[in-house]
Amino acid sequence: MDEEKYELLDFKVTSISTHVNTAAAQELQLHVESRMGSQVPQPPDGTLYMYLNIKISDGEADNFLFDITTTSVIKLPEGMTDITDDNAPSCLKIAQDETHRAIREITESMGITPMDLDT
C-alpha cells in the first residue's frame, strides 16, 4: 500500500502574546498547555486547515508568558476530501513541527534561551 503524502502549503503565526519579567532572577518552573483544531473547507478543496495554540507560562507568578496560535494549510492526497482519526496524526505532525520550529526561532530572537519542545 502506498503511503499517503501530505504537503504543507502555508504556515502562519496568527496570534502571539509574550511577557518576560527580566527582573525575576530565579529559575522558572514553566508549564505547557496546547490545543488543536482542524477544518476542511466547504466545499472540500483538498486542503485541511490545522490550528495549534501553545501556551507556555510560569503559572500564577506572571513572570513568563509565551502564547502562540498558528495556522497550517495542508494539502491532502489526491482524491481525499476529509480527514479521519487514522490519518489525522500525519497532518498534526506537520503542523506541530512547523509550530515548534517557530517557537524555537521566536524565543531565540527574543534573546532568551530557545525553547525546543521536541526534546
PDB file of N, CA and C in Angstrom:
ATOM      1  N   MET A   1       0.839  -1.185   0.000  1.00  0.00           N
ATOM      2  CA  MET A   1       0.000   0.000   0.000  1.00  0.00           C
ATOM      3  C   MET A   1       0.882   1.246   0.000  1.00  0.00           C
ATOM      4  N   ASP A   2       0.569   2.203  -0.850  1.00  0.00           N
ATOM      5  CA  ASP A   2       1.331   3.440  -0.913  1.00  0.00           C
ATOM      6  C   ASP A   2       1.064   4.282   0.330  1.00  0.00           C
ATOM      7  N   GLU A   3       2.140   4.938   0.795  1.00  0.00           N
ATOM      8  CA  GLU A   3       1.993   5.836   1.925  1.00  0.00           C
ATOM      9  C   GLU A   3       1.341   7.128   1.440  1.00  0.00           C
ATOM     10  N   GLU A   4       0.378   7.620   2.203  1.00  0.00           N
ATOM     11  CA  GLU A   4      -0.300   8.852   1.826  1.00  0.00           C
ATOM     12  C   GLU A   4       0.644  10.035   2.010  1.00  0.00           C
ATOM     13  N   LYS A   5       0.648  10.933   1.036  1.00  0.00           N
ATOM     14  CA  LYS A   5       1.524  12.105   1.068  1.00  0.00           C
ATOM     15  C   LYS A   5       0.729  13.351   1.420  1.00  0.00           C
ATOM     16  N   TYR A   6       1.182  14.040   2.433  1.00  0.00           N
ATOM     17  CA  TYR A   6       0.607  15.307   2.848  1.00  0.00           C
ATOM     18  C   TYR A   6       1.668  16.370   2.614  1.00  0.00           C
ATOM     19  N   GLU A   7       1.245  17.555   2.232  1.00  0.00           N
ATOM     20  CA  GLU A   7       2.199  18.612   1.907  1.00  0.00           C
ATOM     21  C   GLU A   7       1.780  19.905   2.588  1.00  0.00           C
ATOM     22  N   LEU A   8       2.738  20.561   3.221  1.00  0.00           N
ATOM     23  CA  LEU A   8       2.479  21.854   3.834  1.00  0.00           C
ATOM     24  C   LEU A   8       2.423  22.910   2.737  1.00  0.00           C
ATOM     25  N   LEU A   9       1.265  23.557   2.592  1.00  0.00           N
ATOM     26  CA  LEU A   9       1.101  24.605   1.587  1.00  0.00           C
ATOM     27  C   LEU A   9       1.378  25.991   2.155  1.00  0.00           C
ATOM     28  N   ASP A  10       1.010  26.207   3.424  1.00  0.00           N
ATOM     29  CA  ASP A  10       1.159  27.528   4.018  1.00  0.00           C
ATOM     30  C   ASP A  10       1.236  27.388   5.533  1.00  0.00           C
ATOM     31  N   PHE A  11       1.991  28.277   6.153  1.00  0.00           N
ATOM     32  CA  PHE A  11       2.113  28.309   7.608  1.00  0.00           C
ATOM     33  C   PHE A  11       2.180  29.759   8.041  1.00  0.00           C
ATOM     34  N   LYS A  12       1.387  30.095   9.049  1.00  0.00           N
ATOM     35  CA  LYS A  12       1.379  31.463   9.569  1.00  0.00           C
ATOM     36  C   LYS A  12       1.235  31.447  11.086  1.00  0.00           C
ATOM     37  N   VAL A  13       1.925  32.379  11.715  1.00  0.00           N
ATOM     38  CA  VAL A  13       1.659  32.678  13.118  1.00  0.00           C
ATOM     39  C   VAL A  13       0.519  33.685  13.085  1.00  0.00           C
ATOM     40  N   THR A  14      -0.620  33.288  13.611  1.00  0.00           N
ATOM     41  CA  THR A  14      -1.807  34.144  13.523  1.00  0.00           C
ATOM     42  C   THR A  14      -2.048  34.959  14.792  1.00  0.00           C
ATOM     43  N   SER A  15      -1.401  34.572  15.879  1.00  0.00           N
ATOM     44  CA  SER A  15      -1.531  35.320  17.129  1.00  0.00           C
ATOM     45  C   SER A  15      -0.338  34.984  18.011  1.00  0.00           C
ATOM     46  N   ILE A  16       0.212  36.004  18.652  1.00  0.00           N
ATOM     47  CA  ILE A  16       1.300  35.760  19.595  1.00  0.00           C
ATOM     48  C   ILE A  16       1.233  36.800  20.708  1.00  0.00           C
ATOM     49  N   SER A  17       1.445  36.333  21.922  1.00  0.00           N
ATOM     50  CA  SER A  17       1.484  37.206  23.079  1.00  0.00           C
ATOM     51  C   SER A  17       2.642  36.747  23.953  1.00  0.00           C
ATOM     52  N   THR A  18       3.502  37.684  24.335  1.00  0.00           N
ATOM     53  CA  THR A  18       4.652  37.316  25.155  1.00  0.00           C
ATOM     54  C   THR A  18       4.830  38.298  26.300  1.00  0.00           C
ATOM     55  N   HIS A  19       5.415  37.793  27.355  1.00  0.00           N
ATOM     56  CA  HIS A  19       5.765  38.624  28.507  1.00  0.00           C
ATOM     57  C   HIS A  19       6.930  37.952  29.212  1.00  0.00           C
ATOM     58  N   VAL A  20       8.002  38.706  29.420  1.00  0.00           N
ATOM     59  CA  VAL A  20       9.154  38.196  30.171  1.00  0.00           C
ATOM     60  C   VAL A  20       9.521  39.245  31.202  1.00  0.00           C
ATOM     61  N   ASN A  21       9.471  38.865  32.458  1.00  0.00           N
ATOM     62  CA  ASN A  21       9.893  39.744  33.544  1.00  0.00           C
ATOM     63  C   ASN A  21      11.389  39.523  33.744  1.00  0.00           C
ATOM     64  N   THR A  22      12.196  40.418  33.205  1.00  0.00           N
ATOM     65  CA  THR A  22      13.653  40.248  33.287  1.00  0.00           C
ATOM     66  C   THR A  22      14.192  40.502  34.691  1.00  0.00           C
ATOM     67  N   ALA A  23      13.380  41.063  35.558  1.00  0.00           N
ATOM     68  CA  ALA A  23      13.806  41.291  36.937  1.00  0.00           C
ATOM     69  C   ALA A  23      13.709  40.011  37.775  1.00  0.00           C
ATOM     70  N   ALA A  24      13.016  39.010  37.275  1.00  0.00           N
ATOM     71  CA  ALA A  24      12.892  37.733  38.009  1.00  0.00           C
ATOM     72  C   ALA A  24      14.212  36.982  37.888  1.00  0.00           C
ATOM     73  N   ALA A  25      14.994  37.050  38.924  1.00  0.00           N
ATOM     74  CA  ALA A  25      16.333  36.460  38.907  1.00  0.00           C
ATOM     75  C   ALA A  25      16.318  35.071  39.541  1.00  0.00           C
ATOM     76  N   GLN A  26      15.448  34.228  39.040  1.00  0.00           N
ATOM     77  CA  GLN A  26      15.373  32.861  39.561  1.00  0.00           C
ATOM     78  C   GLN A  26      15.013  31.926  38.412  1.00  0.00           C
ATOM     79  N   GLU A  27      15.225  30.662  38.645  1.00  0.00           N
ATOM     80  CA  GLU A  27      14.814  29.669  37.654  1.00  0.00           C
ATOM     81  C   GLU A  27      13.292  29.555  37.700  1.00  0.00           C
ATOM     82  N   LEU A  28      12.683  29.533  36.522  1.00  0.00           N
ATOM     83  CA  LEU A  28      11.225  29.494  36.448  1.00  0.00           C
ATOM     84  C   LEU A  28      10.742  28.082  36.154  1.00  0.00           C
ATOM     85  N   GLN A  29       9.678  27.683  36.802  1.00  0.00           N
ATOM     86  CA  GLN A  29       9.011  26.414  36.515  1.00  0.00           C
ATOM     87  C   GLN A  29       7.958  26.696  35.450  1.00  0.00           C
ATOM     88  N   LEU A  30       8.215  26.249  34.229  1.00  0.00           N
ATOM     89  CA  LEU A  30       7.303  26.537  33.135  1.00  0.00           C
ATOM     90  C   LEU A  30       6.352  25.373  32.893  1.00  0.00           C
ATOM     91  N   HIS A  31       5.148  25.710  32.460  1.00  0.00           N
ATOM     92  CA  HIS A  31       4.117  24.731  32.149  1.00  0.00           C
ATOM     93  C   HIS A  31       3.656  24.970  30.714  1.00  0.00           C
ATOM     94  N   VAL A  32       3.349  23.877  30.028  1.00  0.00           N
ATOM     95  CA  VAL A  32       2.912  23.965  28.637  1.00  0.00           C
ATOM     96  C   VAL A  32       1.493  23.437  28.521  1.00  0.00           C
ATOM     97  N   GLU A  33       0.646  24.213  27.853  1.00  0.00           N
ATOM     98  CA  GLU A  33      -0.713  23.785  27.530  1.00  0.00           C
ATOM     99  C   GLU A  33      -0.857  23.890  26.023  1.00  0.00           C
ATOM    100  N   SER A  34      -1.563  22.945  25.430  1.00  0.00           N
ATOM    101  CA  SER A  34      -1.763  23.036  23.979  1.00  0.00           C
ATOM    102  C   SER A  34      -3.182  22.624  23.612  1.00  0.00           C
ATOM    103  N   ARG A  35      -3.641  23.226  22.512  1.00  0.00           N
ATOM    104  CA  ARG A  35      -4.950  22.899  21.953  1.00  0.00           C
ATOM    105  C   ARG A  35      -4.806  22.818  20.448  1.00  0.00           C
ATOM    106  N   MET A  36      -5.677  22.033  19.833  1.00  0.00           N
ATOM    107  CA  MET A  36      -5.627  21.859  18.389  1.00  0.00           C
ATOM    108  C   MET A  36      -7.037  21.819  17.852  1.00  0.00           C
ATOM    109  N   GLY A  37      -7.195  22.397  16.665  1.00  0.00           N
ATOM    110  CA  GLY A  37      -8.457  22.321  15.947  1.00  0.00           C
ATOM    111  C   GLY A  37      -8.154  22.156  14.470  1.00  0.00           C
ATOM    112  N   SER A  38      -9.121  21.634  13.737  1.00  0.00           N
ATOM    113  CA  SER A  38      -8.912  21.481  12.296  1.00  0.00           C
ATOM    114  C   SER A  38     -10.227  21.710  11.567  1.00  0.00           C
ATOM    115  N   GLN A  39     -10.082  22.019  10.282  1.00  0.00           N
ATOM    116  CA  GLN A  39     -11.264  22.308   9.475  1.00  0.00           C
ATOM    117  C   GLN A  39     -10.954  22.005   8.019  1.00  0.00           C
ATOM    118  N   VAL A  40     -11.876  21.327   7.373  1.00  0.00           N
ATOM    119  CA  VAL A  40     -11.819  21.128   5.929  1.00  0.00           C
ATOM    120  C   VAL A  40     -12.763  22.157   5.326  1.00  0.00           C
ATOM    121  N   PRO A  41     -12.281  22.960   4.367  1.00  0.00           N
ATOM    122  CA  PRO A  41     -13.158  23.972   3.756  1.00  0.00           C
ATOM    123  C   PRO A  41     -14.393  23.335   3.125  1.00  0.00           C
ATOM    124  N   GLN A  42     -15.476  24.087   3.121  1.00  0.00           N
ATOM    125  CA  GLN A  42     -16.706  23.637   2.468  1.00  0.00           C
ATOM    126  C   GLN A  42     -17.007  24.563   1.301  1.00  0.00           C
ATOM    127  N   PRO A  43     -17.105  24.096   0.107  1.00  0.00           N
ATOM    128  CA  PRO A  43     -16.937  22.704  -0.299  1.00  0.00           C
ATOM    129  C   PRO A  43     -15.461  22.286  -0.223  1.00  0.00           C
ATOM    130  N   PRO A  44     -15.216  20.987  -0.042  1.00  0.00           N
ATOM    131  CA  PRO A  44     -13.842  20.496   0.081  1.00  0.00           C
ATOM    132  C   PRO A  44     -13.003  20.840  -1.147  1.00  0.00           C
ATOM    133  N   ASP A  45     -11.771  21.277  -0.898  1.00  0.00           N
ATOM    134  CA  ASP A  45     -10.866  21.619  -1.993  1.00  0.00           C
ATOM    135  C   ASP A  45      -9.542  20.863  -1.922  1.00  0.00           C
ATOM    136  N   GLY A  46      -9.512  19.803  -1.099  1.00  0.00           N
ATOM    137  CA  GLY A  46      -8.291  19.003  -0.978  1.00  0.00           C
ATOM    138  C   GLY A  46      -7.293  19.550   0.025  1.00  0.00           C
ATOM    139  N   THR A  47      -7.741  20.493   0.866  1.00  0.00           N
ATOM    140  CA  THR A  47      -6.850  21.032   1.897  1.00  0.00           C
ATOM    141  C   THR A  47      -7.463  20.843   3.280  1.00  0.00           C
ATOM    142  N   LEU A  48      -6.608  20.949   4.270  1.00  0.00           N
ATOM    143  CA  LEU A  48      -7.002  20.884   5.672  1.00  0.00           C
ATOM    144  C   LEU A  48      -6.343  22.053   6.384  1.00  0.00           C
ATOM    145  N   TYR A  49      -7.115  22.782   7.168  1.00  0.00           N
ATOM    146  CA  TYR A  49      -6.579  23.860   7.985  1.00  0.00           C
ATOM    147  C   TYR A  49      -6.423  23.330   9.400  1.00  0.00           C
ATOM    148  N   MET A  50      -5.199  23.423   9.941  1.00  0.00           N
ATOM    149  CA  MET A  50      -4.950  22.995  11.314  1.00  0.00           C
ATOM    150  C   MET A  50      -4.545  24.208  12.129  1.00  0.00           C
ATOM    151  N   TYR A  51      -5.197  24.350  13.271  1.00  0.00           N
ATOM    152  CA  TYR A  51      -4.950  25.469  14.170  1.00  0.00           C
ATOM    153  C   TYR A  51      -4.345  24.923  15.459  1.00  0.00           C
ATOM    154  N   LEU A  52      -3.152  25.406  15.815  1.00  0.00           N
ATOM    155  CA  LEU A  52      -2.498  24.982  17.050  1.00  0.00           C
ATOM    156  C   LEU A  52      -2.312  26.184  17.956  1.00  0.00           C
ATOM    157  N   ASN A  53      -2.603  26.009  19.228  1.00  0.00           N
ATOM    158  CA  ASN A  53      -2.344  27.031  20.233  1.00  0.00           C
ATOM    159  C   ASN A  53      -1.482  26.392  21.306  1.00  0.00           C
ATOM    160  N   ILE A  54      -0.352  27.018  21.574  1.00  0.00           N
ATOM    161  CA  ILE A  54       0.549  26.545  22.629  1.00  0.00           C
ATOM    162  C   ILE A  54       0.802  27.708  23.574  1.00  0.00           C
ATOM    163  N   LYS A  55       0.578  27.449  24.847  1.00  0.00           N
ATOM    164  CA  LYS A  55       0.792  28.459  25.877  1.00  0.00           C
ATOM    165  C   LYS A  55       1.835  27.919  26.851  1.00  0.00           C
ATOM    166  N   ILE A  56       2.912  28.681  26.993  1.00  0.00           N
ATOM    167  CA  ILE A  56       3.981  28.340  27.933  1.00  0.00           C
ATOM    168  C   ILE A  56       4.007  29.449  28.976  1.00  0.00           C
ATOM    169  N   SER A  57       3.883  29.076  30.236  1.00  0.00           N
ATOM    170  CA  SER A  57       3.859  30.109  31.283  1.00  0.00           C
ATOM    171  C   SER A  57       4.425  29.554  32.582  1.00  0.00           C
ATOM    172  N   ASP A  58       4.648  30.461  33.505  1.00  0.00           N
ATOM    173  CA  ASP A  58       5.092  30.045  34.842  1.00  0.00           C
ATOM    174  C   ASP A  58       3.916  30.090  35.821  1.00  0.00           C
ATOM    175  N   GLY A  59       2.730  29.999  35.296  1.00  0.00           N
ATOM    176  CA  GLY A  59       1.532  29.930  36.136  1.00  0.00           C
ATOM    177  C   GLY A  59       1.185  31.267  36.744  1.00  0.00           C
ATOM    178  N   GLU A  60       0.854  31.256  38.003  1.00  0.00           N
ATOM    179  CA  GLU A  60       0.364  32.438  38.706  1.00  0.00           C
ATOM    180  C   GLU A  60       1.446  33.482  38.972  1.00  0.00           C
ATOM    181  N   ALA A  61       2.715  33.105  38.884  1.00  0.00           N
ATOM    182  CA  ALA A  61       3.793  34.049  39.189  1.00  0.00           C
ATOM    183  C   ALA A  61       3.845  35.203  38.186  1.00  0.00           C
ATOM    184  N   ASP A  62       3.373  34.980  36.981  1.00  0.00           N
ATOM    185  CA  ASP A  62       3.286  36.012  35.947  1.00  0.00           C
ATOM    186  C   ASP A  62       4.636  36.626  35.578  1.00  0.00           C
ATOM    187  N   ASN A  63       5.688  35.798  35.620  1.00  0.00           N
ATOM    188  CA  ASN A  63       6.999  36.267  35.185  1.00  0.00           C
ATOM    189  C   ASN A  63       7.285  35.903  33.731  1.00  0.00           C
ATOM    190  N   PHE A  64       6.548  34.925  33.207  1.00  0.00           N
ATOM    191  CA  PHE A  64       6.813  34.492  31.840  1.00  0.00           C
ATOM    192  C   PHE A  64       5.522  34.015  31.184  1.00  0.00           C
ATOM    193  N   LEU A  65       5.318  34.475  29.943  1.00  0.00           N
ATOM    194  CA  LEU A  65       4.197  34.014  29.136  1.00  0.00           C
ATOM    195  C   LEU A  65       4.630  34.005  27.673  1.00  0.00           C
ATOM    196  N   PHE A  66       4.372  32.915  27.007  1.00  0.00           N
ATOM    197  CA  PHE A  66       4.567  32.803  25.557  1.00  0.00           C
ATOM    198  C   PHE A  66       3.348  32.050  25.052  1.00  0.00           C
ATOM    199  N   ASP A  67       2.463  32.765  24.362  1.00  0.00           N
ATOM    200  CA  ASP A  67       1.200  32.198  23.893  1.00  0.00           C
ATOM    201  C   ASP A  67       1.133  32.408  22.385  1.00  0.00           C
ATOM    202  N   ILE A  68       1.130  31.315  21.627  1.00  0.00           N
ATOM    203  CA  ILE A  68       1.188  31.391  20.171  1.00  0.00           C
ATOM    204  C   ILE A  68       0.075  30.558  19.555  1.00  0.00           C
ATOM    205  N   THR A  69      -0.533  31.103  18.516  1.00  0.00           N
ATOM    206  CA  THR A  69      -1.512  30.362  17.722  1.00  0.00           C
ATOM    207  C   THR A  69      -1.020  30.374  16.280  1.00  0.00           C
ATOM    208  N   THR A  70      -1.042  29.199  15.656  1.00  0.00           N
ATOM    209  CA  THR A  70      -0.580  29.075  14.281  1.00  0.00           C
ATOM    210  C   THR A  70      -1.655  28.419  13.422  1.00  0.00           C
ATOM    211  N   THR A  71      -1.569  28.700  12.134  1.00  0.00           N
ATOM    212  CA  THR A  71      -2.445  28.070  11.154  1.00  0.00           C
ATOM    213  C   THR A  71      -1.576  27.413  10.105  1.00  0.00           C
ATOM    214  N   SER A  72      -1.804  26.127   9.880  1.00  0.00           N
ATOM    215  CA  SER A  72      -1.098  25.374   8.843  1.00  0.00           C
ATOM    216  C   SER A  72      -2.121  24.908   7.822  1.00  0.00           C
ATOM    217  N   VAL A  73      -1.826  25.149   6.548  1.00  0.00           N
ATOM    218  CA  VAL A  73      -2.682  24.663   5.467  1.00  0.00           C
ATOM    219  C   VAL A  73      -1.967  23.470   4.849  1.00  0.00           C
ATOM    220  N   ILE A  74      -2.628  22.321   4.890  1.00  0.00           N
ATOM    221  CA  ILE A  74      -2.026  21.067   4.442  1.00  0.00           C
ATOM    222  C   ILE A  74      -2.802  20.527   3.249  1.00  0.00           C
ATOM    223  N   LYS A  75      -2.055  20.193   2.215  1.00  0.00           N
ATOM    224  CA  LYS A  75      -2.664  19.588   1.026  1.00  0.00           C
ATOM    225  C   LYS A  75      -2.847  18.099   1.296  1.00  0.00           C
ATOM    226  N   LEU A  76      -4.077  17.641   1.108  1.00  0.00           N
ATOM    227  CA  LEU A  76      -4.396  16.233   1.303  1.00  0.00           C
ATOM    228  C   LEU A  76      -4.039  15.445   0.042  1.00  0.00           C
ATOM    229  N   PRO A  77      -3.836  14.132   0.173  1.00  0.00           N
ATOM    230  CA  PRO A  77      -3.546  13.314  -1.002  1.00  0.00           C
ATOM    231  C   PRO A  77      -4.669  13.403  -2.040  1.00  0.00           C
ATOM    232  N   GLU A  78      -4.308  13.189  -3.275  1.00  0.00           N
ATOM    233  CA  GLU A  78      -5.253  13.242  -4.395  1.00  0.00           C
ATOM    234  C   GLU A  78      -6.508  12.426  -4.090  1.00  0.00           C
ATOM    235  N   GLY A  79      -7.663  13.035  -4.252  1.00  0.00           N
ATOM    236  CA  GLY A  79      -8.932  12.343  -4.048  1.00  0.00           C
ATOM    237  C   GLY A  79      -9.453  12.366  -2.621  1.00  0.00           C
ATOM    238  N   MET A  80      -8.620  12.748  -1.652  1.00  0.00           N
ATOM    239  CA  MET A  80      -9.054  12.796  -0.255  1.00  0.00           C
ATOM    240  C   MET A  80      -9.732  14.137  -0.001  1.00  0.00           C
ATOM    241  N   THR A  81     -10.921  14.104   0.561  1.00  0.00           N
ATOM    242  CA  THR A  81     -11.656  15.339   0.817  1.00  0.00           C
ATOM    243  C   THR A  81     -11.932  15.570   2.297  1.00  0.00           C
ATOM    244  N   ASP A  82     -11.581  14.608   3.140  1.00  0.00           N
ATOM    245  CA  ASP A  82     -11.817  14.745   4.572  1.00  0.00           C
ATOM    246  C   ASP A  82     -10.721  14.015   5.324  1.00  0.00           C
ATOM    247  N   ILE A  83     -10.615  14.297   6.594  1.00  0.00           N
ATOM    248  CA  ILE A  83      -9.597  13.699   7.446  1.00  0.00           C
ATOM    249  C   ILE A  83     -10.285  12.742   8.419  1.00  0.00           C
ATOM    250  N   THR A  84      -9.608  11.648   8.742  1.00  0.00           N
ATOM    251  CA  THR A  84     -10.154  10.670   9.681  1.00  0.00           C
ATOM    252  C   THR A  84      -9.224  10.544  10.883  1.00  0.00           C
ATOM    253  N   ASP A  85      -9.678   9.815  11.893  1.00  0.00           N
ATOM    254  CA  ASP A  85      -8.833   9.574  13.068  1.00  0.00           C
ATOM    255  C   ASP A  85      -7.560   8.829  12.689  1.00  0.00           C
ATOM    256  N   ASP A  86      -7.603   8.033  11.623  1.00  0.00           N
ATOM    257  CA  ASP A  86      -6.425   7.259  11.207  1.00  0.00           C
ATOM    258  C   ASP A  86      -5.357   8.123  10.559  1.00  0.00           C
ATOM    259  N   ASN A  87      -5.756   9.148   9.789  1.00  0.00           N
ATOM    260  CA  ASN A  87      -4.740   9.948   9.109  1.00  0.00           C
ATOM    261  C   ASN A  87      -4.510  11.323   9.744  1.00  0.00           C
ATOM    262  N   ALA A  88      -5.255  11.666  10.758  1.00  0.00           N
ATOM    263  CA  ALA A  88      -5.056  12.945  11.444  1.00  0.00           C
ATOM    264  C   ALA A  88      -3.655  13.086  12.054  1.00  0.00           C
ATOM    265  N   PRO A  89      -3.075  12.029  12.648  1.00  0.00           N
ATOM    266  CA  PRO A  89      -1.738  12.190  13.234  1.00  0.00           C
ATOM    267  C   PRO A  89      -0.668  12.644  12.235  1.00  0.00           C
ATOM    268  N   SER A  90      -0.759  12.218  10.987  1.00  0.00           N
ATOM    269  CA  SER A  90       0.220  12.647   9.978  1.00  0.00           C
ATOM    270  C   SER A  90       0.121  14.150   9.736  1.00  0.00           C
ATOM    271  N   CYS A  91      -1.095  14.658   9.669  1.00  0.00           N
ATOM    272  CA  CYS A  91      -1.299  16.090   9.459  1.00  0.00           C
ATOM    273  C   CYS A  91      -0.895  16.882  10.702  1.00  0.00           C
ATOM    274  N   LEU A  92      -1.236  16.365  11.876  1.00  0.00           N
ATOM    275  CA  LEU A  92      -0.872  17.033  13.119  1.00  0.00           C
ATOM    276  C   LEU A  92       0.637  17.148  13.252  1.00  0.00           C
ATOM    277  N   LYS A  93       1.363  16.121  12.859  1.00  0.00           N
ATOM    278  CA  LYS A  93       2.827  16.148  12.950  1.00  0.00           C
ATOM    279  C   LYS A  93       3.397  17.272  12.100  1.00  0.00           C
ATOM    280  N   ILE A  94       2.874  17.479  10.908  1.00  0.00           N
ATOM    281  CA  ILE A  94       3.346  18.557  10.037  1.00  0.00           C
ATOM    282  C   ILE A  94       3.115  19.911  10.712  1.00  0.00           C
ATOM    283  N   ALA A  95       1.905  20.136  11.201  1.00  0.00           N
ATOM    284  CA  ALA A  95       1.565  21.411  11.848  1.00  0.00           C
ATOM    285  C   ALA A  95       2.379  21.611  13.123  1.00  0.00           C
ATOM    286  N   GLN A  96       2.541  20.544  13.885  1.00  0.00           N
ATOM    287  CA  GLN A  96       3.281  20.624  15.141  1.00  0.00           C
ATOM    288  C   GLN A  96       4.761  20.918  14.894  1.00  0.00           C
ATOM    289  N   ASP A  97       5.355  20.258  13.911  1.00  0.00           N
ATOM    290  CA  ASP A  97       6.764  20.502  13.599  1.00  0.00           C
ATOM    291  C   ASP A  97       6.999  21.960  13.219  1.00  0.00           C
ATOM    292  N   GLU A  98       6.126  22.522  12.397  1.00  0.00           N
ATOM    293  CA  GLU A  98       6.272  23.918  11.978  1.00  0.00           C
ATOM    294  C   GLU A  98       6.081  24.874  13.165  1.00  0.00           C
ATOM    295  N   THR A  99       5.112  24.583  14.017  1.00  0.00           N
ATOM    296  CA  THR A  99       4.863  25.429  15.183  1.00  0.00           C
ATOM    297  C   THR A  99       6.039  25.375  16.152  1.00  0.00           C
ATOM    298  N   HIS A 100       6.569  24.192  16.391  1.00  0.00           N
ATOM    299  CA  HIS A 100       7.723  24.056  17.290  1.00  0.00           C
ATOM    300  C   HIS A 100       8.936  24.788  16.733  1.00  0.00           C
ATOM    301  N   ARG A 101       9.140  24.726  15.405  1.00  0.00           N
ATOM    302  CA  ARG A 101      10.249  25.445  14.774  1.00  0.00           C
ATOM    303  C   ARG A 101      10.068  26.948  14.991  1.00  0.00           C
ATOM    304  N   ALA A 102       8.840  27.441  14.806  1.00  0.00           N
ATOM    305  CA  ALA A 102       8.563  28.862  15.007  1.00  0.00           C
ATOM    306  C   ALA A 102       8.844  29.277  16.450  1.00  0.00           C
ATOM    307  N   ILE A 103       8.460  28.455  17.406  1.00  0.00           N
ATOM    308  CA  ILE A 103       8.704  28.757  18.820  1.00  0.00           C
ATOM    309  C   ILE A 103      10.203  28.846  19.090  1.00  0.00           C
ATOM    310  N   ARG A 104      10.981  27.898  18.556  1.00  0.00           N
ATOM    311  CA  ARG A 104      12.446  27.952  18.740  1.00  0.00           C
ATOM    312  C   ARG A 104      13.019  29.250  18.177  1.00  0.00           C
ATOM    313  N   GLU A 105      12.622  29.587  16.954  1.00  0.00           N
ATOM    314  CA  GLU A 105      13.172  30.774  16.292  1.00  0.00           C
ATOM    315  C   GLU A 105      12.733  32.070  16.977  1.00  0.00           C
ATOM    316  N   ILE A 106      11.482  32.157  17.376  1.00  0.00           N
ATOM    317  CA  ILE A 106      10.984  33.381  18.014  1.00  0.00           C
ATOM    318  C   ILE A 106      11.619  33.574  19.379  1.00  0.00           C
ATOM    319  N   THR A 107      11.692  32.511  20.185  1.00  0.00           N
ATOM    320  CA  THR A 107      12.287  32.666  21.525  1.00  0.00           C
ATOM    321  C   THR A 107      13.764  33.005  21.424  1.00  0.00           C
ATOM    322  N   GLU A 108      14.445  32.446  20.444  1.00  0.00           N
ATOM    323  CA  GLU A 108      15.855  32.796  20.253  1.00  0.00           C
ATOM    324  C   GLU A 108      15.982  34.276  19.878  1.00  0.00           C
ATOM    325  N   SER A 109      15.123  34.762  18.997  1.00  0.00           N
ATOM    326  CA  SER A 109      15.192  36.161  18.586  1.00  0.00           C
ATOM    327  C   SER A 109      14.777  37.112  19.714  1.00  0.00           C
ATOM    328  N   MET A 110      14.072  36.591  20.718  1.00  0.00           N
ATOM    329  CA  MET A 110      13.710  37.400  21.880  1.00  0.00           C
ATOM    330  C   MET A 110      14.900  37.588  22.822  1.00  0.00           C
ATOM    331  N   GLY A 111      15.995  36.847  22.573  1.00  0.00           N
ATOM    332  CA  GLY A 111      17.169  36.955  23.430  1.00  0.00           C
ATOM    333  C   GLY A 111      17.118  36.067  24.653  1.00  0.00           C
ATOM    334  N   ILE A 112      16.206  35.094  24.643  1.00  0.00           N
ATOM    335  CA  ILE A 112      16.134  34.134  25.749  1.00  0.00           C
ATOM    336  C   ILE A 112      16.570  32.775  25.214  1.00  0.00           C
ATOM    337  N   THR A 113      16.741  31.832  26.110  1.00  0.00           N
ATOM    338  CA  THR A 113      17.121  30.500  25.703  1.00  0.00           C
ATOM    339  C   THR A 113      16.058  29.942  24.758  1.00  0.00           C
ATOM    340  N   PRO A 114      16.469  29.503  23.553  1.00  0.00           N
ATOM    341  CA  PRO A 114      15.478  28.961  22.609  1.00  0.00           C
ATOM    342  C   PRO A 114      14.725  27.778  23.233  1.00  0.00           C
ATOM    343  N   MET A 115      13.423  27.786  23.086  1.00  0.00           N
ATOM    344  CA  MET A 115      12.596  26.709  23.638  1.00  0.00           C
ATOM    345  C   MET A 115      12.407  25.634  22.580  1.00  0.00           C
ATOM    346  N   ASP A 116      12.896  24.452  22.897  1.00  0.00           N
ATOM    347  CA  ASP A 116      12.788  23.326  21.982  1.00  0.00           C
ATOM    348  C   ASP A 116      11.778  22.341  22.560  1.00  0.00           C
ATOM    349  N   LEU A 117      10.578  22.346  22.027  1.00  0.00           N
ATOM    350  CA  LEU A 117       9.522  21.462  22.527  1.00  0.00           C
ATOM    351  C   LEU A 117       9.645  20.041  21.977  1.00  0.00           C
ATOM    352  N   ASP A 118      10.630  19.807  21.101  1.00  0.00           N
ATOM    353  CA  ASP A 118      10.802  18.474  20.528  1.00  0.00           C
ATOM    354  C   ASP A 118      11.732  17.592  21.362  1.00  0.00           C
ATOM    355  N   THR A 119      12.333  18.165  22.402  1.00  0.00           N
ATOM    356  CA  THR A 119      13.235  17.346  23.223  1.00  0.00           C
ATOM    357  C   THR A 119      12.632  17.033  24.548  1.00  0.00           C
TER     358      THR A 119
END
